[in-house]
Amino acid sequence: MAQILVAAERNIVRLIQVNLERQGYAVKTAYNEDQLRARLTAEPFDLVVTTFRVPVIVGRDPEVLQLTSLTAAGISEAVRQLLAKRRKRK
């Protein structure tokens, strides 16, 4: 199962988390850049969905979906596409 990290303001995180969990994804959360950095350092993720700048963590290579103004359906489709792209590369 793909490991997804959602990092943004608390209300945005919750909406995305519920949507992705309903689709069967394993979702972890971070509510600020310090939490994002700590999570990325502690465990591997396949995808990071965020409004924050993602730091480079040596040895970690998640796909990154930088949120701007996507709808819930747009986020779901983008997640599917990015994870499919990642699977093809492995």
Protein backbone atom coordinates (compact mmCIF):
# COMPACT_ATOMS: atom_id res chain seq x y z
CA MET A 1 0.00 0.00 0.00
CA ALA A 2 1.31 3.46 -0.89
CA GLN A 3 2.42 5.63 2.01
CA ILE A 4 1.23 9.22 1.60
CA LEU A 5 2.20 12.22 3.71
CA VAL A 6 -0.23 15.16 3.68
CA ALA A 7 1.27 18.42 4.98
CA ALA A 8 -0.66 21.66 5.14
CA GLU A 9 -2.85 23.70 7.48
CA ARG A 10 -4.91 21.48 9.78
CA ASN A 11 -8.29 21.99 8.05
CA ILE A 12 -6.84 21.28 4.60
CA VAL A 13 -5.02 18.19 5.86
CA ARG A 14 -8.18 16.74 7.36
CA LEU A 15 -10.19 17.10 4.14
CA ILE A 16 -7.48 15.49 2.03
CA GLN A 17 -6.80 12.77 4.62
CA VAL A 18 -10.44 11.67 4.79
CA ASN A 19 -10.73 11.61 1.00
CA LEU A 20 -7.56 9.55 0.48
CA GLU A 21 -8.27 7.12 3.33
CA ARG A 22 -11.71 6.40 1.84
CA GLN A 23 -9.85 5.33 -1.30
CA GLY A 24 -7.70 2.93 0.71
CA TYR A 25 -4.46 4.90 1.00
CA ALA A 26 -2.33 4.92 4.17
CA VAL A 27 -2.06 8.60 5.16
CA LYS A 28 0.19 10.33 7.70
CA THR A 29 -0.05 14.04 8.44
CA ALA A 30 2.06 17.09 9.24
CA TYR A 31 0.77 20.54 10.11
CA ASN A 32 3.89 22.66 9.58
CA GLU A 33 7.28 22.54 7.88
CA ASP A 34 9.07 21.26 10.99
CA GLN A 35 6.68 18.30 11.26
CA LEU A 36 7.03 17.69 7.52
CA ARG A 37 10.83 17.56 7.78
CA ALA A 38 10.68 15.25 10.82
CA ARG A 39 8.26 12.84 9.13
CA LEU A 40 10.33 12.70 5.93
CA THR A 41 13.48 12.00 7.94
CA ALA A 42 11.83 9.29 10.07
CA GLU A 43 10.10 7.17 7.44
CA PRO A 44 9.82 6.68 3.67
CA PHE A 45 6.82 7.98 1.74
CA ASP A 46 5.75 7.33 -1.83
CA LEU A 47 3.99 10.67 -2.15
CA VAL A 48 3.93 14.02 -0.35
CA VAL A 49 0.81 16.18 -0.83
CA THR A 50 1.60 19.63 0.53
CA THR A 51 1.24 23.39 0.52
CA PHE A 52 4.71 23.70 2.10
CA ARG A 53 8.13 23.68 0.51
CA VAL A 54 9.46 20.13 0.65
CA PRO A 55 13.04 19.85 1.95
CA VAL A 56 15.51 17.59 0.21
CA ILE A 57 16.19 14.55 2.38
CA VAL A 58 19.19 12.56 1.15
CA GLY A 59 18.21 8.99 0.26
CA ARG A 60 14.47 9.74 0.10
CA ASP A 61 12.71 10.18 -3.21
CA PRO A 62 8.96 10.72 -2.81
CA GLU A 63 6.79 12.14 -5.55
CA VAL A 64 5.54 15.61 -4.58
CA LEU A 65 2.09 17.02 -5.32
CA GLN A 66 2.33 20.74 -4.58
CA LEU A 67 -1.19 21.95 -3.81
CA THR A 68 -2.47 25.12 -5.35
CA SER A 69 -6.16 25.12 -6.14
CA LEU A 70 -7.10 21.51 -6.85
CA THR A 71 -10.52 20.16 -5.98
CA ALA A 72 -10.88 16.92 -3.99
CA ALA A 73 -11.50 15.04 -7.24
CA GLY A 74 -8.46 16.70 -8.81
CA ILE A 75 -6.29 15.71 -5.86
CA SER A 76 -7.51 12.10 -6.05
CA GLU A 77 -6.73 11.89 -9.76
CA ALA A 78 -3.31 13.52 -9.32
CA VAL A 79 -2.49 11.04 -6.52
CA ARG A 80 -3.45 8.09 -8.74
CA GLN A 81 -1.33 9.39 -11.63
CA LEU A 82 1.75 10.14 -9.54
CA LEU A 83 1.67 6.76 -7.78
CA ALA A 84 1.21 4.96 -11.11
CA LYS A 85 4.20 6.87 -12.51
CA ARG A 86 6.26 5.91 -9.46
CA ARG A 87 5.36 2.21 -9.79
CA LYS A 88 6.46 2.21 -13.46
CA ARG A 89 9.87 3.60 -12.50
CA LYS A 90 10.56 0.87 -9.93
